[in-house]
Amino acid sequence: MQEYQQKLVELLLEKNTKLSVHQAQTWVELLWDDFETTRAKAGREYKGSEMTEKIVRQWIENYGEKLHEFFATNPKYSHLFEDQKEH
């Protein structure tokens, strides 16, 4: 799982130069956990890290360049990035 997440962090940093490494890592962890939690709550079978990596990769490809805008407008997540906002 760590290897998958590291590759996703690198992809996110390529897509969004406004994020720090710490912010990119946090985003990948949030997206990863969100996908797996949502599937589990829906009662779906666990398909493994490969499936999670595929979905998170799609999200990063589609939305990665704008993720820095999301935390600025969403108080639910902004506290996770407060010490990094100045980047």
PDB file of N, CA and C in Angstrom:
ATOM      1  N   MET A   1       0.826  -1.197   0.000  1.00  0.00           N
ATOM      2  CA  MET A   1       0.000   0.000   0.000  1.00  0.00           C
ATOM      3  C   MET A   1       0.867   1.256   0.000  1.00  0.00           C
ATOM      4  N   GLN A   2       1.937   1.257   0.773  1.00  0.00           N
ATOM      5  CA  GLN A   2       2.822   2.422   0.834  1.00  0.00           C
ATOM      6  C   GLN A   2       3.390   2.773  -0.532  1.00  0.00           C
ATOM      7  N   GLU A   3       3.771   1.746  -1.292  1.00  0.00           N
ATOM      8  CA  GLU A   3       4.345   1.973  -2.616  1.00  0.00           C
ATOM      9  C   GLU A   3       3.308   2.623  -3.537  1.00  0.00           C
ATOM     10  N   TYR A   4       2.079   2.135  -3.471  1.00  0.00           N
ATOM     11  CA  TYR A   4       1.012   2.727  -4.275  1.00  0.00           C
ATOM     12  C   TYR A   4       0.808   4.189  -3.898  1.00  0.00           C
ATOM     13  N   GLN A   5       0.737   4.430  -2.591  1.00  0.00           N
ATOM     14  CA  GLN A   5       0.484   5.789  -2.134  1.00  0.00           C
ATOM     15  C   GLN A   5       1.624   6.732  -2.501  1.00  0.00           C
ATOM     16  N   GLN A   6       2.860   6.272  -2.425  1.00  0.00           N
ATOM     17  CA  GLN A   6       3.997   7.123  -2.783  1.00  0.00           C
ATOM     18  C   GLN A   6       3.924   7.537  -4.251  1.00  0.00           C
ATOM     19  N   LYS A   7       3.562   6.601  -5.117  1.00  0.00           N
ATOM     20  CA  LYS A   7       3.417   6.925  -6.541  1.00  0.00           C
ATOM     21  C   LYS A   7       2.292   7.924  -6.763  1.00  0.00           C
ATOM     22  N   LEU A   8       1.222   7.806  -5.986  1.00  0.00           N
ATOM     23  CA  LEU A   8       0.107   8.750  -6.098  1.00  0.00           C
ATOM     24  C   LEU A   8       0.507  10.139  -5.600  1.00  0.00           C
ATOM     25  N   VAL A   9       1.311  10.196  -4.549  1.00  0.00           N
ATOM     26  CA  VAL A   9       1.812  11.481  -4.058  1.00  0.00           C
ATOM     27  C   VAL A   9       2.645  12.154  -5.151  1.00  0.00           C
ATOM     28  N   GLU A  10       3.514  11.397  -5.777  1.00  0.00           N
ATOM     29  CA  GLU A  10       4.342  11.947  -6.851  1.00  0.00           C
ATOM     30  C   GLU A  10       3.483  12.450  -8.013  1.00  0.00           C
ATOM     31  N   LEU A  11       2.454  11.694  -8.374  1.00  0.00           N
ATOM     32  CA  LEU A  11       1.555  12.115  -9.443  1.00  0.00           C
ATOM     33  C   LEU A  11       0.830  13.401  -9.054  1.00  0.00           C
ATOM     34  N   LEU A  12       0.349  13.478  -7.829  1.00  0.00           N
ATOM     35  CA  LEU A  12      -0.363  14.675  -7.375  1.00  0.00           C
ATOM     36  C   LEU A  12       0.555  15.891  -7.391  1.00  0.00           C
ATOM     37  N   LEU A  13       1.796  15.726  -6.984  1.00  0.00           N
ATOM     38  CA  LEU A  13       2.739  16.842  -7.005  1.00  0.00           C
ATOM     39  C   LEU A  13       3.026  17.307  -8.435  1.00  0.00           C
ATOM     40  N   GLU A  14       3.006  16.386  -9.393  1.00  0.00           N
ATOM     41  CA  GLU A  14       3.162  16.764 -10.799  1.00  0.00           C
ATOM     42  C   GLU A  14       1.950  17.547 -11.290  1.00  0.00           C
ATOM     43  N   LYS A  15       0.770  17.130 -10.857  1.00  0.00           N
ATOM     44  CA  LYS A  15      -0.476  17.765 -11.289  1.00  0.00           C
ATOM     45  C   LYS A  15      -0.704  19.120 -10.628  1.00  0.00           C
ATOM     46  N   ASN A  16      -0.235  19.263  -9.386  1.00  0.00           N
ATOM     47  CA  ASN A  16      -0.547  20.458  -8.617  1.00  0.00           C
ATOM     48  C   ASN A  16       0.711  20.975  -7.927  1.00  0.00           C
ATOM     49  N   THR A  17       1.308  21.976  -8.511  1.00  0.00           N
ATOM     50  CA  THR A  17       2.542  22.537  -7.961  1.00  0.00           C
ATOM     51  C   THR A  17       2.294  23.448  -6.765  1.00  0.00           C
ATOM     52  N   LYS A  18       1.041  23.718  -6.440  1.00  0.00           N
ATOM     53  CA  LYS A  18       0.726  24.566  -5.291  1.00  0.00           C
ATOM     54  C   LYS A  18       0.713  23.787  -3.977  1.00  0.00           C
ATOM     55  N   LEU A  19       0.774  22.468  -4.048  1.00  0.00           N
ATOM     56  CA  LEU A  19       0.765  21.645  -2.840  1.00  0.00           C
ATOM     57  C   LEU A  19       2.188  21.326  -2.392  1.00  0.00           C
ATOM     58  N   SER A  20       2.371  21.289  -1.086  1.00  0.00           N
ATOM     59  CA  SER A  20       3.644  20.823  -0.533  1.00  0.00           C
ATOM     60  C   SER A  20       3.621  19.292  -0.514  1.00  0.00           C
ATOM     61  N   VAL A  21       4.764  18.693  -0.243  1.00  0.00           N
ATOM     62  CA  VAL A  21       4.828  17.235  -0.138  1.00  0.00           C
ATOM     63  C   VAL A  21       3.891  16.766   0.970  1.00  0.00           C
ATOM     64  N   HIS A  22       3.908  17.455   2.102  1.00  0.00           N
ATOM     65  CA  HIS A  22       3.042  17.102   3.229  1.00  0.00           C
ATOM     66  C   HIS A  22       1.564  17.164   2.813  1.00  0.00           C
ATOM     67  N   GLN A  23       1.173  18.207   2.126  1.00  0.00           N
ATOM     68  CA  GLN A  23      -0.213  18.340   1.691  1.00  0.00           C
ATOM     69  C   GLN A  23      -0.583  17.235   0.711  1.00  0.00           C
ATOM     70  N   ALA A  24       0.288  16.923  -0.216  1.00  0.00           N
ATOM     71  CA  ALA A  24       0.020  15.858  -1.185  1.00  0.00           C
ATOM     72  C   ALA A  24      -0.141  14.516  -0.479  1.00  0.00           C
ATOM     73  N   GLN A  25       0.717  14.249   0.495  1.00  0.00           N
ATOM     74  CA  GLN A  25       0.607  13.005   1.258  1.00  0.00           C
ATOM     75  C   GLN A  25      -0.727  12.949   1.999  1.00  0.00           C
ATOM     76  N   THR A  26      -1.105  14.067   2.593  1.00  0.00           N
ATOM     77  CA  THR A  26      -2.367  14.120   3.326  1.00  0.00           C
ATOM     78  C   THR A  26      -3.539  13.878   2.389  1.00  0.00           C
ATOM     79  N   TRP A  27      -3.522  14.514   1.213  1.00  0.00           N
ATOM     80  CA  TRP A  27      -4.594  14.319   0.235  1.00  0.00           C
ATOM     81  C   TRP A  27      -4.687  12.867  -0.201  1.00  0.00           C
ATOM     82  N   VAL A  28      -3.577  12.252  -0.499  1.00  0.00           N
ATOM     83  CA  VAL A  28      -3.604  10.855  -0.944  1.00  0.00           C
ATOM     84  C   VAL A  28      -4.173   9.970   0.161  1.00  0.00           C
ATOM     85  N   GLU A  29      -3.754  10.199   1.396  1.00  0.00           N
ATOM     86  CA  GLU A  29      -4.277   9.416   2.514  1.00  0.00           C
ATOM     87  C   GLU A  29      -5.776   9.628   2.693  1.00  0.00           C
ATOM     88  N   LEU A  30      -6.238  10.872   2.582  1.00  0.00           N
ATOM     89  CA  LEU A  30      -7.669  11.162   2.706  1.00  0.00           C
ATOM     90  C   LEU A  30      -8.474  10.492   1.603  1.00  0.00           C
ATOM     91  N   LEU A  31      -8.023  10.624   0.370  1.00  0.00           N
ATOM     92  CA  LEU A  31      -8.735  10.026  -0.753  1.00  0.00           C
ATOM     93  C   LEU A  31      -8.743   8.502  -0.648  1.00  0.00           C
ATOM     94  N   TRP A  32      -7.612   7.931  -0.276  1.00  0.00           N
ATOM     95  CA  TRP A  32      -7.482   6.482  -0.126  1.00  0.00           C
ATOM     96  C   TRP A  32      -8.468   5.979   0.935  1.00  0.00           C
ATOM     97  N   ASP A  33      -8.408   6.596   2.119  1.00  0.00           N
ATOM     98  CA  ASP A  33      -9.288   6.184   3.215  1.00  0.00           C
ATOM     99  C   ASP A  33     -10.756   6.398   2.876  1.00  0.00           C
ATOM    100  N   ASP A  34     -11.060   7.500   2.211  1.00  0.00           N
ATOM    101  CA  ASP A  34     -12.439   7.787   1.840  1.00  0.00           C
ATOM    102  C   ASP A  34     -12.993   6.708   0.922  1.00  0.00           C
ATOM    103  N   PHE A  35     -12.231   6.325  -0.083  1.00  0.00           N
ATOM    104  CA  PHE A  35     -12.697   5.303  -1.011  1.00  0.00           C
ATOM    105  C   PHE A  35     -12.923   3.974  -0.292  1.00  0.00           C
ATOM    106  N   GLU A  36     -11.944   3.547   0.507  1.00  0.00           N
ATOM    107  CA  GLU A  36     -12.078   2.257   1.179  1.00  0.00           C
ATOM    108  C   GLU A  36     -13.196   2.266   2.215  1.00  0.00           C
ATOM    109  N   THR A  37     -13.358   3.355   2.937  1.00  0.00           N
ATOM    110  CA  THR A  37     -14.423   3.459   3.930  1.00  0.00           C
ATOM    111  C   THR A  37     -15.794   3.451   3.273  1.00  0.00           C
ATOM    112  N   THR A  38     -15.935   4.197   2.198  1.00  0.00           N
ATOM    113  CA  THR A  38     -17.207   4.263   1.495  1.00  0.00           C
ATOM    114  C   THR A  38     -17.603   2.886   0.955  1.00  0.00           C
ATOM    115  N   ARG A  39     -16.659   2.167   0.376  1.00  0.00           N
ATOM    116  CA  ARG A  39     -16.947   0.810  -0.120  1.00  0.00           C
ATOM    117  C   ARG A  39     -17.354  -0.115   1.012  1.00  0.00           C
ATOM    118  N   ALA A  40     -16.661  -0.019   2.138  1.00  0.00           N
ATOM    119  CA  ALA A  40     -16.980  -0.884   3.273  1.00  0.00           C
ATOM    120  C   ALA A  40     -18.365  -0.579   3.825  1.00  0.00           C
ATOM    121  N   LYS A  41     -18.700   0.698   3.957  1.00  0.00           N
ATOM    122  CA  LYS A  41     -20.021   1.079   4.463  1.00  0.00           C
ATOM    123  C   LYS A  41     -21.136   0.624   3.537  1.00  0.00           C
ATOM    124  N   ALA A  42     -20.834   0.562   2.246  1.00  0.00           N
ATOM    125  CA  ALA A  42     -21.821   0.116   1.268  1.00  0.00           C
ATOM    126  C   ALA A  42     -21.922  -1.411   1.226  1.00  0.00           C
ATOM    127  N   GLY A  43     -21.084  -2.087   2.008  1.00  0.00           N
ATOM    128  CA  GLY A  43     -21.118  -3.533   2.060  1.00  0.00           C
ATOM    129  C   GLY A  43     -20.458  -4.208   0.870  1.00  0.00           C
ATOM    130  N   ARG A  44     -19.645  -3.470   0.160  1.00  0.00           N
ATOM    131  CA  ARG A  44     -18.969  -4.033  -1.018  1.00  0.00           C
ATOM    132  C   ARG A  44     -17.733  -4.824  -0.605  1.00  0.00           C
ATOM    133  N   GLU A  45     -17.426  -5.816  -1.395  1.00  0.00           N
ATOM    134  CA  GLU A  45     -16.257  -6.657  -1.163  1.00  0.00           C
ATOM    135  C   GLU A  45     -14.975  -5.846  -1.361  1.00  0.00           C
ATOM    136  N   TYR A  46     -14.001  -6.102  -0.495  1.00  0.00           N
ATOM    137  CA  TYR A  46     -12.705  -5.428  -0.617  1.00  0.00           C
ATOM    138  C   TYR A  46     -11.989  -5.972  -1.834  1.00  0.00           C
ATOM    139  N   LYS A  47     -11.570  -5.095  -2.733  1.00  0.00           N
ATOM    140  CA  LYS A  47     -10.925  -5.496  -3.983  1.00  0.00           C
ATOM    141  C   LYS A  47      -9.412  -5.316  -3.947  1.00  0.00           C
ATOM    142  N   GLY A  48      -8.871  -4.884  -2.828  1.00  0.00           N
ATOM    143  CA  GLY A  48      -7.430  -4.772  -2.683  1.00  0.00           C
ATOM    144  C   GLY A  48      -6.880  -3.393  -3.000  1.00  0.00           C
ATOM    145  N   SER A  49      -5.599  -3.241  -2.716  1.00  0.00           N
ATOM    146  CA  SER A  49      -4.911  -1.965  -2.913  1.00  0.00           C
ATOM    147  C   SER A  49      -4.875  -1.549  -4.376  1.00  0.00           C
ATOM    148  N   GLU A  50      -4.838  -2.533  -5.280  1.00  0.00           N
ATOM    149  CA  GLU A  50      -4.781  -2.206  -6.709  1.00  0.00           C
ATOM    150  C   GLU A  50      -6.022  -1.426  -7.142  1.00  0.00           C
ATOM    151  N   MET A  51      -7.190  -1.867  -6.669  1.00  0.00           N
ATOM    152  CA  MET A  51      -8.436  -1.183  -7.021  1.00  0.00           C
ATOM    153  C   MET A  51      -8.469   0.218  -6.416  1.00  0.00           C
ATOM    154  N   THR A  52      -8.075   0.335  -5.159  1.00  0.00           N
ATOM    155  CA  THR A  52      -8.063   1.639  -4.509  1.00  0.00           C
ATOM    156  C   THR A  52      -7.107   2.576  -5.233  1.00  0.00           C
ATOM    157  N   GLU A  53      -5.932   2.076  -5.590  1.00  0.00           N
ATOM    158  CA  GLU A  53      -4.952   2.892  -6.309  1.00  0.00           C
ATOM    159  C   GLU A  53      -5.519   3.367  -7.648  1.00  0.00           C
ATOM    160  N   LYS A  54      -6.224   2.502  -8.343  1.00  0.00           N
ATOM    161  CA  LYS A  54      -6.810   2.858  -9.640  1.00  0.00           C
ATOM    162  C   LYS A  54      -7.806   4.007  -9.504  1.00  0.00           C
ATOM    163  N   ILE A  55      -8.676   3.930  -8.496  1.00  0.00           N
ATOM    164  CA  ILE A  55      -9.695   4.966  -8.300  1.00  0.00           C
ATOM    165  C   ILE A  55      -9.064   6.274  -7.852  1.00  0.00           C
ATOM    166  N   VAL A  56      -8.163   6.221  -6.892  1.00  0.00           N
ATOM    167  CA  VAL A  56      -7.513   7.443  -6.410  1.00  0.00           C
ATOM    168  C   VAL A  56      -6.703   8.089  -7.534  1.00  0.00           C
ATOM    169  N   ARG A  57      -6.065   7.280  -8.357  1.00  0.00           N
ATOM    170  CA  ARG A  57      -5.327   7.801  -9.515  1.00  0.00           C
ATOM    171  C   ARG A  57      -6.284   8.562 -10.453  1.00  0.00           C
ATOM    172  N   GLN A  58      -7.454   8.014 -10.695  1.00  0.00           N
ATOM    173  CA  GLN A  58      -8.442   8.691 -11.544  1.00  0.00           C
ATOM    174  C   GLN A  58      -8.849  10.027 -10.932  1.00  0.00           C
ATOM    175  N   TRP A  59      -9.086  10.038  -9.625  1.00  0.00           N
ATOM    176  CA  TRP A  59      -9.461  11.291  -8.959  1.00  0.00           C
ATOM    177  C   TRP A  59      -8.352  12.329  -9.089  1.00  0.00           C
ATOM    178  N   ILE A  60      -7.114  11.899  -8.901  1.00  0.00           N
ATOM    179  CA  ILE A  60      -5.987  12.829  -9.010  1.00  0.00           C
ATOM    180  C   ILE A  60      -5.860  13.339 -10.441  1.00  0.00           C
ATOM    181  N   GLU A  61      -6.013  12.450 -11.402  1.00  0.00           N
ATOM    182  CA  GLU A  61      -5.943  12.866 -12.812  1.00  0.00           C
ATOM    183  C   GLU A  61      -7.023  13.896 -13.129  1.00  0.00           C
ATOM    184  N   ASN A  62      -8.221  13.687 -12.590  1.00  0.00           N
ATOM    185  CA  ASN A  62      -9.348  14.566 -12.890  1.00  0.00           C
ATOM    186  C   ASN A  62      -9.391  15.846 -12.059  1.00  0.00           C
ATOM    187  N   TYR A  63      -8.998  15.763 -10.801  1.00  0.00           N
ATOM    188  CA  TYR A  63      -9.186  16.892  -9.882  1.00  0.00           C
ATOM    189  C   TYR A  63      -7.916  17.380  -9.196  1.00  0.00           C
ATOM    190  N   GLY A  64      -6.804  16.712  -9.410  1.00  0.00           N
ATOM    191  CA  GLY A  64      -5.569  17.012  -8.688  1.00  0.00           C
ATOM    192  C   GLY A  64      -5.102  18.444  -8.783  1.00  0.00           C
ATOM    193  N   GLU A  65      -5.245  19.050  -9.942  1.00  0.00           N
ATOM    194  CA  GLU A  65      -4.731  20.408 -10.105  1.00  0.00           C
ATOM    195  C   GLU A  65      -5.527  21.443  -9.324  1.00  0.00           C
ATOM    196  N   LYS A  66      -6.695  21.084  -8.816  1.00  0.00           N
ATOM    197  CA  LYS A  66      -7.526  22.041  -8.084  1.00  0.00           C
ATOM    198  C   LYS A  66      -7.706  21.693  -6.605  1.00  0.00           C
ATOM    199  N   LEU A  67      -7.058  20.650  -6.125  1.00  0.00           N
ATOM    200  CA  LEU A  67      -7.253  20.240  -4.733  1.00  0.00           C
ATOM    201  C   LEU A  67      -6.866  21.329  -3.741  1.00  0.00           C
ATOM    202  N   HIS A  68      -5.883  22.143  -4.059  1.00  0.00           N
ATOM    203  CA  HIS A  68      -5.473  23.198  -3.129  1.00  0.00           C
ATOM    204  C   HIS A  68      -6.607  24.193  -2.892  1.00  0.00           C
ATOM    205  N   GLU A  69      -7.526  24.329  -3.831  1.00  0.00           N
ATOM    206  CA  GLU A  69      -8.667  25.229  -3.666  1.00  0.00           C
ATOM    207  C   GLU A  69      -9.714  24.639  -2.722  1.00  0.00           C
ATOM    208  N   PHE A  70      -9.818  23.335  -2.678  1.00  0.00           N
ATOM    209  CA  PHE A  70     -10.842  22.674  -1.877  1.00  0.00           C
ATOM    210  C   PHE A  70     -10.655  22.912  -0.386  1.00  0.00           C
ATOM    211  N   PHE A  71      -9.429  22.729   0.109  1.00  0.00           N
ATOM    212  CA  PHE A  71      -9.243  22.881   1.555  1.00  0.00           C
ATOM    213  C   PHE A  71      -9.442  24.314   2.011  1.00  0.00           C
ATOM    214  N   ALA A  72      -9.266  25.264   1.140  1.00  0.00           N
ATOM    215  CA  ALA A  72      -9.451  26.666   1.514  1.00  0.00           C
ATOM    216  C   ALA A  72     -10.928  26.986   1.743  1.00  0.00           C
ATOM    217  N   THR A  73     -11.811  26.221   1.122  1.00  0.00           N
ATOM    218  CA  THR A  73     -13.244  26.510   1.221  1.00  0.00           C
ATOM    219  C   THR A  73     -14.014  25.480   2.022  1.00  0.00           C
ATOM    220  N   ASN A  74     -13.371  24.447   2.525  1.00  0.00           N
ATOM    221  CA  ASN A  74     -14.071  23.404   3.245  1.00  0.00           C
ATOM    222  C   ASN A  74     -13.531  23.286   4.667  1.00  0.00           C
ATOM    223  N   PRO A  75     -14.288  23.802   5.637  1.00  0.00           N
ATOM    224  CA  PRO A  75     -13.808  23.790   7.022  1.00  0.00           C
ATOM    225  C   PRO A  75     -13.624  22.389   7.598  1.00  0.00           C
ATOM    226  N   LYS A  76     -14.284  21.395   7.041  1.00  0.00           N
ATOM    227  CA  LYS A  76     -14.136  20.027   7.534  1.00  0.00           C
ATOM    228  C   LYS A  76     -12.697  19.538   7.394  1.00  0.00           C
ATOM    229  N   TYR A  77     -12.003  20.001   6.345  1.00  0.00           N
ATOM    230  CA  TYR A  77     -10.652  19.534   6.072  1.00  0.00           C
ATOM    231  C   TYR A  77      -9.587  20.606   6.245  1.00  0.00           C
ATOM    232  N   SER A  78      -9.956  21.853   6.331  1.00  0.00           N
ATOM    233  CA  SER A  78      -8.961  22.926   6.357  1.00  0.00           C
ATOM    234  C   SER A  78      -7.991  22.806   7.523  1.00  0.00           C
ATOM    235  N   HIS A  79      -8.449  22.289   8.663  1.00  0.00           N
ATOM    236  CA  HIS A  79      -7.549  22.156   9.816  1.00  0.00           C
ATOM    237  C   HIS A  79      -6.387  21.208   9.535  1.00  0.00           C
ATOM    238  N   LEU A  80      -6.551  20.291   8.604  1.00  0.00           N
ATOM    239  CA  LEU A  80      -5.487  19.353   8.272  1.00  0.00           C
ATOM    240  C   LEU A  80      -4.330  20.029   7.524  1.00  0.00           C
ATOM    241  N   PHE A  81      -4.608  21.211   6.989  1.00  0.00           N
ATOM    242  CA  PHE A  81      -3.622  21.897   6.158  1.00  0.00           C
ATOM    243  C   PHE A  81      -3.215  23.257   6.703  1.00  0.00           C
ATOM    244  N   GLU A  82      -3.708  23.637   7.882  1.00  0.00           N
ATOM    245  CA  GLU A  82      -3.467  24.977   8.416  1.00  0.00           C
ATOM    246  C   GLU A  82      -1.994  25.339   8.511  1.00  0.00           C
ATOM    247  N   ASP A  83      -1.167  24.404   8.943  1.00  0.00           N
ATOM    248  CA  ASP A  83       0.253  24.730   9.086  1.00  0.00           C
ATOM    249  C   ASP A  83       0.971  24.776   7.733  1.00  0.00           C
ATOM    250  N   GLN A  84       0.279  24.417   6.669  1.00  0.00           N
ATOM    251  CA  GLN A  84       0.900  24.364   5.350  1.00  0.00           C
ATOM    252  C   GLN A  84       0.308  25.372   4.372  1.00  0.00           C
ATOM    253  N   LYS A  85      -0.669  26.183   4.767  1.00  0.00           N
ATOM    254  CA  LYS A  85      -1.365  27.081   3.859  1.00  0.00           C
ATOM    255  C   LYS A  85      -0.466  28.083   3.166  1.00  0.00           C
ATOM    256  N   GLU A  86       0.608  28.445   3.786  1.00  0.00           N
ATOM    257  CA  GLU A  86       1.467  29.492   3.238  1.00  0.00           C
ATOM    258  C   GLU A  86       2.284  29.023   2.043  1.00  0.00           C
ATOM    259  N   HIS A  87       2.344  27.692   1.788  1.00  0.00           N
ATOM    260  CA  HIS A  87       3.147  27.165   0.679  1.00  0.00           C
ATOM    261  C   HIS A  87       2.691  27.733  -0.652  1.00  0.00           C
TER     262      HIS A  87
END
